[in-house]
Amino acid sequence: MKVSAIAASLVVFTLATTTGATLYAQAAAQPPKPAQPAQTPAQPPVQPAATLPPQPPAPFPAGAKLAFVNPQRIFQESTEGKVALTRVKALTDKKQTENNERQKALQANQQKLSSGGSVLSDAARSTLEKEIERQQLDLQRFQQDAQAEINELQNEVQGEFARKVQPILDQIAKEKGLQMLFDASNAGFAWVDPGLDLSAEVIKKLDAGKPGTAKP
């Protein structure tokens, strides 16, 4: 298996964890919390857990011809990946804010029609109904265009990231004389020597290049 096959899946998981499945998904209603008893026994103060020093990466097994990388870790921990996530999140937040403003304006007119419809003249009522219909169509088009713009940016940053990571994968595979380099998110390992994980080395080499900067 050629090493370049891994690059295609490096960011398949990509930005869903940051942007959500869709731009306009509504959060599920939270169930009410159960009532607390009037008196509860005093609890001893919780002691903070001891912070363990970071453990050094396991050594790469001598003579190993197989290794793997964790694409999600590379994307989330590398400078380039963080910059990509920031770019997409900024655009998503911008579109979400504008979407909310449009929805509020629409809801205000709907409330006006609902509460004052009986006192409005026929002409005023007709004008307001047409305005509500226009706002609804505009909101729908805006949401479709915004989602398409976000998807386009996601594809762009994914492609950029894969192009930057691929030469590093090729370099590491050649340096270590590997025959296969697996994508851990798709390999389905039952057990694997932790020393075969080259994710930290990929991140180090990626960050050693020119630091990423967010585009306006």
N, C-alpha and C. Protein backbone atom coordinates (compact mmCIF):
# COMPACT_ATOMS: atom_id res chain seq x y z
N MET A 1 0.84 -1.19 0.00
CA MET A 1 0.00 0.00 0.00
C MET A 1 0.87 1.24 0.00
N LYS A 2 0.64 2.10 -0.91
CA LYS A 2 1.43 3.31 -1.00
C LYS A 2 1.07 4.25 0.13
N VAL A 3 2.08 4.96 0.65
CA VAL A 3 1.86 5.84 1.78
C VAL A 3 0.84 6.92 1.45
N SER A 4 0.81 7.41 0.21
CA SER A 4 -0.07 8.51 -0.15
C SER A 4 -1.53 8.17 0.03
N ALA A 5 -1.86 6.89 0.13
CA ALA A 5 -3.26 6.52 0.33
C ALA A 5 -3.78 7.02 1.66
N ILE A 6 -2.92 7.26 2.62
CA ILE A 6 -3.34 7.72 3.93
C ILE A 6 -3.80 9.16 3.89
N ALA A 7 -3.20 9.96 3.03
CA ALA A 7 -3.50 11.38 3.03
C ALA A 7 -4.97 11.66 2.78
N ALA A 8 -5.59 10.86 1.95
CA ALA A 8 -6.99 11.09 1.61
C ALA A 8 -7.89 11.00 2.82
N SER A 9 -7.49 10.21 3.82
CA SER A 9 -8.33 10.04 5.00
C SER A 9 -7.85 10.85 6.19
N LEU A 10 -6.82 11.68 6.01
CA LEU A 10 -6.27 12.41 7.14
C LEU A 10 -7.27 13.35 7.78
N VAL A 11 -8.17 13.92 6.96
CA VAL A 11 -9.11 14.87 7.51
C VAL A 11 -10.55 14.49 7.19
N VAL A 12 -10.79 13.18 6.99
CA VAL A 12 -12.15 12.74 6.71
C VAL A 12 -13.06 13.05 7.90
N PHE A 13 -12.53 12.83 9.12
CA PHE A 13 -13.29 13.13 10.33
C PHE A 13 -13.55 14.62 10.45
N THR A 14 -12.64 15.37 10.03
CA THR A 14 -12.45 16.79 9.90
C THR A 14 -13.17 17.63 10.90
N LEU A 15 -14.06 18.54 10.44
CA LEU A 15 -14.45 19.65 11.26
C LEU A 15 -15.81 19.47 11.90
N ALA A 16 -16.37 18.30 11.81
CA ALA A 16 -17.71 18.11 12.35
C ALA A 16 -17.74 18.36 13.85
N THR A 17 -16.64 18.03 14.54
CA THR A 17 -16.62 18.20 15.98
C THR A 17 -16.59 19.67 16.38
N THR A 18 -16.21 20.52 15.44
CA THR A 18 -16.16 21.93 15.77
C THR A 18 -17.36 22.69 15.25
N THR A 19 -17.78 22.39 14.05
CA THR A 19 -18.85 23.16 13.44
C THR A 19 -20.22 22.52 13.62
N GLY A 20 -20.27 21.26 14.05
CA GLY A 20 -21.55 20.56 14.16
C GLY A 20 -21.91 19.93 12.84
N ALA A 21 -22.89 19.03 12.89
CA ALA A 21 -23.28 18.31 11.69
C ALA A 21 -23.80 19.26 10.63
N THR A 22 -24.61 20.24 11.01
CA THR A 22 -25.09 21.26 10.09
C THR A 22 -25.05 22.60 10.79
N LEU A 23 -25.06 23.65 10.00
CA LEU A 23 -24.92 24.98 10.56
C LEU A 23 -26.10 25.36 11.43
N TYR A 24 -27.30 24.90 11.07
CA TYR A 24 -28.50 25.39 11.71
C TYR A 24 -29.21 24.33 12.53
N ALA A 25 -28.50 23.27 12.93
CA ALA A 25 -29.13 22.25 13.77
C ALA A 25 -29.52 22.85 15.11
N GLN A 26 -30.70 22.48 15.57
CA GLN A 26 -31.18 22.99 16.85
C GLN A 26 -30.75 22.05 17.96
N ALA A 27 -30.37 22.62 19.08
CA ALA A 27 -29.97 21.80 20.23
C ALA A 27 -31.19 21.12 20.83
N ALA A 28 -31.00 19.89 21.27
CA ALA A 28 -32.11 19.15 21.89
C ALA A 28 -32.46 19.78 23.22
N ALA A 29 -33.74 19.75 23.55
CA ALA A 29 -34.18 20.32 24.81
C ALA A 29 -33.61 19.54 25.97
N GLN A 30 -33.16 20.27 26.97
CA GLN A 30 -32.58 19.63 28.14
C GLN A 30 -33.69 19.22 29.10
N PRO A 31 -33.68 17.97 29.60
CA PRO A 31 -34.70 17.56 30.56
C PRO A 31 -34.54 18.30 31.87
N PRO A 32 -35.63 18.57 32.59
CA PRO A 32 -35.51 19.27 33.88
C PRO A 32 -34.73 18.45 34.88
N LYS A 33 -33.96 19.15 35.70
CA LYS A 33 -33.17 18.47 36.71
C LYS A 33 -34.08 18.04 37.85
N PRO A 34 -33.81 16.87 38.43
CA PRO A 34 -34.64 16.42 39.55
C PRO A 34 -34.46 17.33 40.76
N ALA A 35 -35.54 17.46 41.54
CA ALA A 35 -35.48 18.31 42.73
C ALA A 35 -34.48 17.75 43.73
N GLN A 36 -33.74 18.64 44.37
CA GLN A 36 -32.75 18.24 45.36
C GLN A 36 -33.43 18.12 46.73
N PRO A 37 -33.02 17.16 47.53
CA PRO A 37 -33.59 17.06 48.88
C PRO A 37 -33.27 18.30 49.70
N ALA A 38 -34.12 18.54 50.72
CA ALA A 38 -33.96 19.75 51.53
C ALA A 38 -32.62 19.74 52.25
N GLN A 39 -32.18 18.59 52.70
CA GLN A 39 -30.93 18.50 53.41
C GLN A 39 -30.09 17.39 52.81
N THR A 40 -28.85 17.65 52.65
CA THR A 40 -27.92 16.65 52.15
C THR A 40 -26.76 16.56 53.10
N PRO A 41 -26.25 15.36 53.30
CA PRO A 41 -25.11 15.22 54.20
C PRO A 41 -23.89 15.96 53.67
N ALA A 42 -23.14 16.50 54.58
CA ALA A 42 -21.95 17.23 54.19
C ALA A 42 -20.96 16.28 53.51
N GLN A 43 -20.41 16.77 52.43
CA GLN A 43 -19.45 15.97 51.68
C GLN A 43 -18.05 16.52 51.91
N PRO A 44 -17.07 15.65 52.04
CA PRO A 44 -15.70 16.14 52.21
C PRO A 44 -15.25 16.86 50.94
N PRO A 45 -14.40 17.87 51.08
CA PRO A 45 -13.93 18.60 49.90
C PRO A 45 -13.19 17.66 48.94
N VAL A 46 -13.43 17.89 47.66
CA VAL A 46 -12.79 17.06 46.65
C VAL A 46 -11.36 17.54 46.45
N GLN A 47 -10.44 16.62 46.57
CA GLN A 47 -9.05 16.95 46.38
C GLN A 47 -8.71 16.93 44.89
N PRO A 48 -8.03 17.96 44.41
CA PRO A 48 -7.67 17.95 42.99
C PRO A 48 -6.74 16.79 42.66
N ALA A 49 -6.98 16.21 41.51
CA ALA A 49 -6.15 15.09 41.09
C ALA A 49 -4.73 15.57 40.79
N ALA A 50 -3.78 14.75 41.17
CA ALA A 50 -2.39 15.11 40.93
C ALA A 50 -2.12 15.17 39.43
N THR A 51 -1.42 16.21 39.02
CA THR A 51 -1.08 16.37 37.61
C THR A 51 0.19 15.59 37.30
N LEU A 52 0.06 14.62 36.44
CA LEU A 52 1.21 13.80 36.10
C LEU A 52 2.02 14.46 34.99
N PRO A 53 3.33 14.38 35.06
CA PRO A 53 4.15 14.97 33.99
C PRO A 53 3.91 14.21 32.69
N PRO A 54 4.00 14.90 31.56
CA PRO A 54 3.80 14.22 30.27
C PRO A 54 4.81 13.10 30.08
N GLN A 55 4.32 11.99 29.58
CA GLN A 55 5.18 10.84 29.38
C GLN A 55 5.88 10.93 28.01
N PRO A 56 7.14 10.58 27.98
CA PRO A 56 7.85 10.59 26.69
C PRO A 56 7.26 9.55 25.76
N PRO A 57 7.28 9.82 24.46
CA PRO A 57 6.72 8.82 23.52
C PRO A 57 7.51 7.52 23.58
N ALA A 58 6.81 6.43 23.37
CA ALA A 58 7.46 5.12 23.37
C ALA A 58 8.44 5.05 22.20
N PRO A 59 9.57 4.39 22.39
CA PRO A 59 10.55 4.30 21.30
C PRO A 59 10.02 3.47 20.14
N PHE A 60 10.42 3.85 18.95
CA PHE A 60 10.01 3.10 17.77
C PHE A 60 10.75 1.76 17.76
N PRO A 61 10.03 0.64 17.63
CA PRO A 61 10.68 -0.68 17.67
C PRO A 61 11.71 -0.83 16.55
N ALA A 62 12.90 -1.26 16.92
CA ALA A 62 13.96 -1.42 15.93
C ALA A 62 13.56 -2.46 14.89
N GLY A 63 13.76 -2.12 13.62
CA GLY A 63 13.49 -3.04 12.53
C GLY A 63 12.04 -3.14 12.12
N ALA A 64 11.16 -2.38 12.75
CA ALA A 64 9.73 -2.45 12.41
C ALA A 64 9.51 -1.93 10.99
N LYS A 65 8.67 -2.61 10.26
CA LYS A 65 8.36 -2.22 8.89
C LYS A 65 6.94 -1.66 8.76
N LEU A 66 6.18 -1.70 9.85
CA LEU A 66 4.82 -1.17 9.86
C LEU A 66 4.71 -0.11 10.95
N ALA A 67 3.89 0.89 10.70
CA ALA A 67 3.63 1.93 11.69
C ALA A 67 2.25 2.52 11.40
N PHE A 68 1.84 3.46 12.25
CA PHE A 68 0.53 4.08 12.04
C PHE A 68 0.57 5.53 12.52
N VAL A 69 -0.41 6.28 12.06
CA VAL A 69 -0.60 7.66 12.54
C VAL A 69 -2.06 7.82 12.93
N ASN A 70 -2.32 8.78 13.81
CA ASN A 70 -3.66 9.12 14.25
C ASN A 70 -4.04 10.45 13.60
N PRO A 71 -4.81 10.43 12.52
CA PRO A 71 -5.13 11.67 11.81
C PRO A 71 -5.81 12.72 12.68
N GLN A 72 -6.73 12.29 13.55
CA GLN A 72 -7.44 13.25 14.39
C GLN A 72 -6.48 13.98 15.31
N ARG A 73 -5.54 13.25 15.88
CA ARG A 73 -4.56 13.88 16.77
C ARG A 73 -3.70 14.87 15.99
N ILE A 74 -3.26 14.48 14.80
CA ILE A 74 -2.43 15.37 13.98
C ILE A 74 -3.18 16.66 13.67
N PHE A 75 -4.44 16.52 13.30
CA PHE A 75 -5.22 17.69 12.91
C PHE A 75 -5.49 18.59 14.11
N GLN A 76 -5.80 18.00 15.26
CA GLN A 76 -6.19 18.79 16.43
C GLN A 76 -5.00 19.39 17.17
N GLU A 77 -3.85 18.75 17.11
CA GLU A 77 -2.72 19.20 17.90
C GLU A 77 -1.70 20.01 17.11
N SER A 78 -1.69 19.90 15.80
CA SER A 78 -0.72 20.63 15.00
C SER A 78 -1.16 22.08 14.82
N THR A 79 -0.18 22.95 14.60
CA THR A 79 -0.49 24.36 14.36
C THR A 79 -1.36 24.53 13.12
N GLU A 80 -1.02 23.81 12.06
CA GLU A 80 -1.79 23.93 10.82
C GLU A 80 -3.23 23.50 11.02
N GLY A 81 -3.44 22.42 11.76
CA GLY A 81 -4.80 21.95 12.00
C GLY A 81 -5.60 22.94 12.83
N LYS A 82 -4.98 23.52 13.85
CA LYS A 82 -5.67 24.49 14.68
C LYS A 82 -6.06 25.72 13.88
N VAL A 83 -5.17 26.15 12.99
CA VAL A 83 -5.48 27.31 12.15
C VAL A 83 -6.66 27.00 11.24
N ALA A 84 -6.68 25.79 10.68
CA ALA A 84 -7.79 25.40 9.80
C ALA A 84 -9.11 25.40 10.56
N LEU A 85 -9.10 24.85 11.76
CA LEU A 85 -10.32 24.83 12.56
C LEU A 85 -10.79 26.24 12.91
N THR A 86 -9.84 27.13 13.19
CA THR A 86 -10.18 28.50 13.52
C THR A 86 -10.83 29.21 12.34
N ARG A 87 -10.31 28.96 11.15
CA ARG A 87 -10.89 29.59 9.94
C ARG A 87 -12.34 29.16 9.73
N VAL A 88 -12.59 27.88 9.86
CA VAL A 88 -13.94 27.38 9.63
C VAL A 88 -14.88 27.86 10.73
N LYS A 89 -14.41 27.83 11.95
CA LYS A 89 -15.26 28.27 13.07
C LYS A 89 -15.62 29.75 12.94
N ALA A 90 -14.67 30.57 12.51
CA ALA A 90 -14.94 32.00 12.36
C ALA A 90 -16.03 32.24 11.32
N LEU A 91 -15.94 31.54 10.20
CA LEU A 91 -16.97 31.70 9.16
C LEU A 91 -18.31 31.18 9.64
N THR A 92 -18.29 30.03 10.32
CA THR A 92 -19.54 29.47 10.83
C THR A 92 -20.21 30.40 11.83
N ASP A 93 -19.44 30.96 12.74
CA ASP A 93 -19.99 31.88 13.73
C ASP A 93 -20.58 33.12 13.05
N LYS A 94 -19.89 33.62 12.05
CA LYS A 94 -20.38 34.80 11.33
C LYS A 94 -21.73 34.51 10.67
N LYS A 95 -21.81 33.38 9.97
CA LYS A 95 -23.05 33.04 9.28
C LYS A 95 -24.17 32.74 10.29
N GLN A 96 -23.82 32.13 11.40
CA GLN A 96 -24.83 31.82 12.41
C GLN A 96 -25.41 33.10 13.01
N THR A 97 -24.55 34.08 13.26
CA THR A 97 -25.01 35.36 13.80
C THR A 97 -25.97 36.04 12.83
N GLU A 98 -25.60 36.08 11.56
CA GLU A 98 -26.47 36.70 10.57
C GLU A 98 -27.77 35.92 10.42
N ASN A 99 -27.69 34.61 10.49
CA ASN A 99 -28.90 33.79 10.41
C ASN A 99 -29.85 34.10 11.57
N ASN A 100 -29.30 34.23 12.76
CA ASN A 100 -30.13 34.54 13.93
C ASN A 100 -30.80 35.90 13.79
N GLU A 101 -30.08 36.88 13.25
CA GLU A 101 -30.65 38.21 13.07
C GLU A 101 -31.81 38.17 12.08
N ARG A 102 -31.66 37.41 11.01
CA ARG A 102 -32.74 37.29 10.02
C ARG A 102 -33.96 36.59 10.63
N GLN A 103 -33.69 35.57 11.43
CA GLN A 103 -34.80 34.85 12.06
C GLN A 103 -35.56 35.75 13.04
N LYS A 104 -34.84 36.58 13.77
CA LYS A 104 -35.49 37.48 14.73
C LYS A 104 -36.39 38.48 14.00
N ALA A 105 -35.89 39.02 12.88
CA ALA A 105 -36.69 39.97 12.11
C ALA A 105 -37.95 39.31 11.57
N LEU A 106 -37.82 38.08 11.11
CA LEU A 106 -38.97 37.34 10.61
C LEU A 106 -39.97 37.07 11.73
N GLN A 107 -39.48 36.63 12.87
CA GLN A 107 -40.35 36.32 13.99
C GLN A 107 -41.07 37.56 14.51
N ALA A 108 -40.39 38.71 14.44
CA ALA A 108 -41.02 39.95 14.87
C ALA A 108 -42.22 40.29 13.99
N ASN A 109 -42.06 40.12 12.70
CA ASN A 109 -43.18 40.39 11.79
C ASN A 109 -44.29 39.37 11.94
N GLN A 110 -43.92 38.12 12.17
CA GLN A 110 -44.94 37.10 12.39
C GLN A 110 -45.74 37.38 13.65
N GLN A 111 -45.05 37.84 14.69
CA GLN A 111 -45.74 38.19 15.94
C GLN A 111 -46.65 39.40 15.73
N LYS A 112 -46.16 40.36 14.95
CA LYS A 112 -46.95 41.55 14.65
C LYS A 112 -48.24 41.18 13.91
N LEU A 113 -48.12 40.25 12.96
CA LEU A 113 -49.29 39.83 12.20
C LEU A 113 -50.26 39.05 13.09
N SER A 114 -49.69 38.22 13.98
CA SER A 114 -50.53 37.39 14.84
C SER A 114 -51.28 38.21 15.88
N SER A 115 -50.59 39.18 16.48
CA SER A 115 -51.20 39.95 17.57
C SER A 115 -52.02 41.14 17.08
N GLY A 116 -51.68 41.68 15.91
CA GLY A 116 -52.37 42.89 15.45
C GLY A 116 -53.11 42.72 14.16
N GLY A 117 -53.25 41.48 13.72
CA GLY A 117 -53.88 41.25 12.44
C GLY A 117 -55.31 41.74 12.37
N SER A 118 -56.02 41.66 13.49
CA SER A 118 -57.44 42.04 13.48
C SER A 118 -57.64 43.54 13.39
N VAL A 119 -56.64 44.32 13.78
CA VAL A 119 -56.79 45.78 13.75
C VAL A 119 -56.10 46.40 12.54
N LEU A 120 -55.35 45.60 11.80
CA LEU A 120 -54.69 46.13 10.61
C LEU A 120 -55.70 46.27 9.48
N SER A 121 -55.47 47.26 8.66
CA SER A 121 -56.30 47.39 7.47
C SER A 121 -55.96 46.27 6.50
N ASP A 122 -56.84 46.05 5.56
CA ASP A 122 -56.60 45.00 4.58
C ASP A 122 -55.30 45.24 3.82
N ALA A 123 -55.06 46.49 3.47
CA ALA A 123 -53.85 46.82 2.72
C ALA A 123 -52.60 46.57 3.57
N ALA A 124 -52.66 47.02 4.84
CA ALA A 124 -51.51 46.83 5.73
C ALA A 124 -51.26 45.35 6.01
N ARG A 125 -52.34 44.61 6.20
CA ARG A 125 -52.20 43.18 6.46
C ARG A 125 -51.59 42.47 5.24
N SER A 126 -52.05 42.82 4.05
CA SER A 126 -51.52 42.22 2.83
C SER A 126 -50.05 42.54 2.66
N THR A 127 -49.69 43.80 2.93
CA THR A 127 -48.28 44.21 2.82
C THR A 127 -47.40 43.43 3.79
N LEU A 128 -47.88 43.26 5.02
CA LEU A 128 -47.11 42.53 6.04
C LEU A 128 -46.98 41.06 5.67
N GLU A 129 -48.02 40.46 5.16
CA GLU A 129 -47.96 39.05 4.75
C GLU A 129 -46.96 38.85 3.63
N LYS A 130 -46.94 39.78 2.67
CA LYS A 130 -45.98 39.68 1.58
C LYS A 130 -44.55 39.85 2.08
N GLU A 131 -44.36 40.74 3.07
CA GLU A 131 -43.02 40.94 3.64
C GLU A 131 -42.56 39.68 4.37
N ILE A 132 -43.46 39.03 5.09
CA ILE A 132 -43.11 37.80 5.79
C ILE A 132 -42.74 36.71 4.79
N GLU A 133 -43.50 36.61 3.71
CA GLU A 133 -43.20 35.62 2.68
C GLU A 133 -41.83 35.88 2.06
N ARG A 134 -41.53 37.15 1.82
CA ARG A 134 -40.21 37.50 1.25
C ARG A 134 -39.09 37.14 2.22
N GLN A 135 -39.29 37.45 3.51
CA GLN A 135 -38.27 37.14 4.52
C GLN A 135 -38.03 35.64 4.62
N GLN A 136 -39.08 34.85 4.54
CA GLN A 136 -38.95 33.40 4.61
C GLN A 136 -38.13 32.87 3.44
N LEU A 137 -38.40 33.36 2.24
CA LEU A 137 -37.65 32.92 1.07
C LEU A 137 -36.19 33.36 1.16
N ASP A 138 -35.97 34.61 1.60
CA ASP A 138 -34.61 35.11 1.74
C ASP A 138 -33.83 34.31 2.78
N LEU A 139 -34.48 33.96 3.89
CA LEU A 139 -33.82 33.19 4.94
C LEU A 139 -33.43 31.81 4.43
N GLN A 140 -34.32 31.18 3.69
CA GLN A 140 -34.02 29.86 3.15
C GLN A 140 -32.83 29.92 2.19
N ARG A 141 -32.83 30.92 1.30
CA ARG A 141 -31.70 31.06 0.36
C ARG A 141 -30.40 31.35 1.10
N PHE A 142 -30.49 32.21 2.12
CA PHE A 142 -29.30 32.54 2.89
C PHE A 142 -28.71 31.30 3.55
N GLN A 143 -29.55 30.47 4.16
CA GLN A 143 -29.08 29.28 4.83
C GLN A 143 -28.41 28.32 3.85
N GLN A 144 -29.01 28.16 2.68
CA GLN A 144 -28.43 27.27 1.67
C GLN A 144 -27.08 27.80 1.19
N ASP A 145 -27.02 29.11 0.93
CA ASP A 145 -25.76 29.71 0.46
C ASP A 145 -24.68 29.67 1.54
N ALA A 146 -25.09 29.91 2.79
CA ALA A 146 -24.13 29.90 3.88
C ALA A 146 -23.54 28.52 4.09
N GLN A 147 -24.41 27.49 4.05
CA GLN A 147 -23.91 26.13 4.22
C GLN A 147 -22.97 25.74 3.09
N ALA A 148 -23.31 26.16 1.87
CA ALA A 148 -22.44 25.86 0.73
C ALA A 148 -21.09 26.55 0.88
N GLU A 149 -21.09 27.77 1.39
CA GLU A 149 -19.83 28.51 1.59
C GLU A 149 -18.97 27.84 2.66
N ILE A 150 -19.61 27.39 3.73
CA ILE A 150 -18.86 26.71 4.78
C ILE A 150 -18.29 25.38 4.26
N ASN A 151 -19.08 24.63 3.52
CA ASN A 151 -18.60 23.36 2.95
C ASN A 151 -17.42 23.60 2.02
N GLU A 152 -17.49 24.67 1.24
CA GLU A 152 -16.39 24.98 0.32
C GLU A 152 -15.11 25.29 1.09
N LEU A 153 -15.24 26.04 2.19
CA LEU A 153 -14.05 26.35 3.00
C LEU A 153 -13.51 25.09 3.66
N GLN A 154 -14.38 24.21 4.12
CA GLN A 154 -13.93 22.95 4.71
C GLN A 154 -13.12 22.15 3.70
N ASN A 155 -13.63 22.04 2.49
CA ASN A 155 -12.91 21.30 1.45
C ASN A 155 -11.56 21.95 1.16
N GLU A 156 -11.54 23.27 1.18
CA GLU A 156 -10.29 23.99 0.90
C GLU A 156 -9.24 23.71 1.96
N VAL A 157 -9.62 23.84 3.26
CA VAL A 157 -8.63 23.64 4.31
C VAL A 157 -8.22 22.17 4.41
N GLN A 158 -9.14 21.26 4.10
CA GLN A 158 -8.79 19.84 4.09
C GLN A 158 -7.73 19.56 3.04
N GLY A 159 -7.94 20.12 1.85
CA GLY A 159 -6.97 19.90 0.78
C GLY A 159 -5.62 20.50 1.11
N GLU A 160 -5.63 21.71 1.68
CA GLU A 160 -4.38 22.34 2.07
C GLU A 160 -3.64 21.52 3.11
N PHE A 161 -4.37 21.03 4.09
CA PHE A 161 -3.74 20.26 5.16
C PHE A 161 -3.15 18.96 4.64
N ALA A 162 -3.92 18.26 3.80
CA ALA A 162 -3.43 16.99 3.24
C ALA A 162 -2.17 17.21 2.41
N ARG A 163 -2.13 18.30 1.65
CA ARG A 163 -0.94 18.58 0.82
C ARG A 163 0.29 18.86 1.67
N LYS A 164 0.10 19.42 2.86
CA LYS A 164 1.24 19.70 3.73
C LYS A 164 1.69 18.46 4.50
N VAL A 165 0.73 17.59 4.82
CA VAL A 165 1.08 16.40 5.60
C VAL A 165 1.68 15.30 4.73
N GLN A 166 1.22 15.18 3.51
CA GLN A 166 1.65 14.07 2.66
C GLN A 166 3.16 13.96 2.50
N PRO A 167 3.89 15.05 2.20
CA PRO A 167 5.35 14.92 2.09
C PRO A 167 6.02 14.46 3.38
N ILE A 168 5.42 14.83 4.52
CA ILE A 168 5.98 14.40 5.81
C ILE A 168 5.79 12.90 5.99
N LEU A 169 4.64 12.39 5.60
CA LEU A 169 4.41 10.95 5.68
C LEU A 169 5.39 10.20 4.77
N ASP A 170 5.57 10.71 3.57
CA ASP A 170 6.52 10.08 2.65
C ASP A 170 7.93 10.08 3.23
N GLN A 171 8.32 11.22 3.81
CA GLN A 171 9.66 11.34 4.37
C GLN A 171 9.89 10.37 5.52
N ILE A 172 8.93 10.33 6.45
CA ILE A 172 9.08 9.45 7.61
C ILE A 172 9.11 7.98 7.18
N ALA A 173 8.25 7.61 6.24
CA ALA A 173 8.22 6.23 5.78
C ALA A 173 9.54 5.82 5.16
N LYS A 174 10.15 6.71 4.38
CA LYS A 174 11.44 6.40 3.76
C LYS A 174 12.55 6.35 4.79
N GLU A 175 12.54 7.30 5.73
CA GLU A 175 13.58 7.33 6.75
C GLU A 175 13.59 6.06 7.60
N LYS A 176 12.43 5.52 7.88
CA LYS A 176 12.33 4.35 8.75
C LYS A 176 12.25 3.05 7.96
N GLY A 177 12.26 3.15 6.66
CA GLY A 177 12.21 1.96 5.82
C GLY A 177 10.91 1.19 5.98
N LEU A 178 9.81 1.91 6.07
CA LEU A 178 8.51 1.27 6.29
C LEU A 178 7.97 0.66 5.00
N GLN A 179 7.23 -0.41 5.18
CA GLN A 179 6.51 -1.02 4.07
C GLN A 179 5.05 -0.60 4.06
N MET A 180 4.50 -0.29 5.24
CA MET A 180 3.12 0.16 5.36
C MET A 180 3.02 1.20 6.47
N LEU A 181 2.17 2.19 6.24
CA LEU A 181 1.87 3.20 7.25
C LEU A 181 0.37 3.31 7.33
N PHE A 182 -0.20 2.89 8.46
CA PHE A 182 -1.65 2.78 8.59
C PHE A 182 -2.28 4.06 9.14
N ASP A 183 -3.54 4.23 8.80
CA ASP A 183 -4.39 5.26 9.39
C ASP A 183 -5.11 4.60 10.56
N ALA A 184 -4.78 5.00 11.78
CA ALA A 184 -5.32 4.33 12.98
C ALA A 184 -6.83 4.44 13.08
N SER A 185 -7.42 5.50 12.52
CA SER A 185 -8.86 5.66 12.63
C SER A 185 -9.63 4.66 11.77
N ASN A 186 -8.95 4.03 10.81
CA ASN A 186 -9.61 3.06 9.93
C ASN A 186 -9.04 1.65 10.03
N ALA A 187 -7.93 1.50 10.74
CA ALA A 187 -7.24 0.20 10.75
C ALA A 187 -7.92 -0.82 11.65
N GLY A 188 -8.61 -0.38 12.71
CA GLY A 188 -9.29 -1.31 13.60
C GLY A 188 -8.34 -2.20 14.38
N PHE A 189 -7.28 -1.64 14.94
CA PHE A 189 -6.32 -2.42 15.71
C PHE A 189 -6.95 -2.98 16.98
N ALA A 190 -6.68 -4.24 17.28
CA ALA A 190 -7.06 -4.82 18.56
C ALA A 190 -5.98 -4.51 19.61
N TRP A 191 -4.74 -4.53 19.18
CA TRP A 191 -3.61 -4.14 20.03
C TRP A 191 -2.47 -3.77 19.12
N VAL A 192 -1.70 -2.79 19.55
CA VAL A 192 -0.56 -2.37 18.76
C VAL A 192 0.49 -1.77 19.69
N ASP A 193 1.73 -1.98 19.38
CA ASP A 193 2.81 -1.41 20.16
C ASP A 193 2.74 0.12 20.07
N PRO A 194 2.64 0.83 21.20
CA PRO A 194 2.53 2.29 21.15
C PRO A 194 3.71 2.97 20.48
N GLY A 195 4.84 2.29 20.42
CA GLY A 195 5.99 2.87 19.76
C GLY A 195 5.82 3.00 18.26
N LEU A 196 4.83 2.29 17.70
CA LEU A 196 4.58 2.37 16.27
C LEU A 196 3.76 3.59 15.89
N ASP A 197 3.28 4.34 16.87
CA ASP A 197 2.49 5.54 16.61
C ASP A 197 3.44 6.69 16.26
N LEU A 198 3.39 7.14 15.02
CA LEU A 198 4.28 8.20 14.56
C LEU A 198 3.59 9.56 14.51
N SER A 199 2.43 9.66 15.15
CA SER A 199 1.67 10.92 15.10
C SER A 199 2.47 12.08 15.66
N ALA A 200 3.12 11.88 16.80
CA ALA A 200 3.88 12.96 17.42
C ALA A 200 5.01 13.42 16.51
N GLU A 201 5.64 12.49 15.82
CA GLU A 201 6.72 12.85 14.92
C GLU A 201 6.20 13.65 13.73
N VAL A 202 5.02 13.27 13.23
CA VAL A 202 4.41 14.02 12.13
C VAL A 202 4.07 15.44 12.59
N ILE A 203 3.49 15.57 13.77
CA ILE A 203 3.14 16.89 14.30
C ILE A 203 4.39 17.75 14.47
N LYS A 204 5.46 17.16 14.99
CA LYS A 204 6.70 17.89 15.21
C LYS A 204 7.26 18.40 13.89
N LYS A 205 7.30 17.56 12.87
CA LYS A 205 7.83 17.97 11.58
C LYS A 205 6.91 19.00 10.92
N LEU A 206 5.61 18.84 11.08
CA LEU A 206 4.66 19.78 10.50
C LEU A 206 4.81 21.15 11.14
N ASP A 207 4.94 21.18 12.46
CA ASP A 207 5.07 22.46 13.16
C ASP A 207 6.44 23.09 12.96
N ALA A 208 7.43 22.28 12.58
CA ALA A 208 8.77 22.81 12.35
C ALA A 208 8.84 23.64 11.07
N GLY A 209 7.84 23.47 10.19
CA GLY A 209 7.78 24.27 8.98
C GLY A 209 7.30 25.67 9.30
N LYS A 210 6.91 26.39 8.27
CA LYS A 210 6.41 27.75 8.45
C LYS A 210 5.11 27.72 9.23
N PRO A 211 5.00 28.46 10.34
CA PRO A 211 3.76 28.43 11.14
C PRO A 211 2.58 28.91 10.31
N GLY A 212 1.45 28.25 10.52
CA GLY A 212 0.26 28.63 9.78
C GLY A 212 -0.30 29.95 10.31
N THR A 213 -0.92 30.70 9.43
CA THR A 213 -1.58 31.94 9.82
C THR A 213 -2.96 31.94 9.20
N ALA A 214 -3.93 32.37 9.98
CA ALA A 214 -5.30 32.37 9.49
C ALA A 214 -5.48 33.40 8.39
N LYS A 215 -6.12 32.99 7.31
CA LYS A 215 -6.42 33.92 6.23
C LYS A 215 -7.63 34.74 6.59
N PRO A 216 -7.67 36.00 6.12
CA PRO A 216 -8.85 36.83 6.43
C PRO A 216 -10.08 36.28 5.73
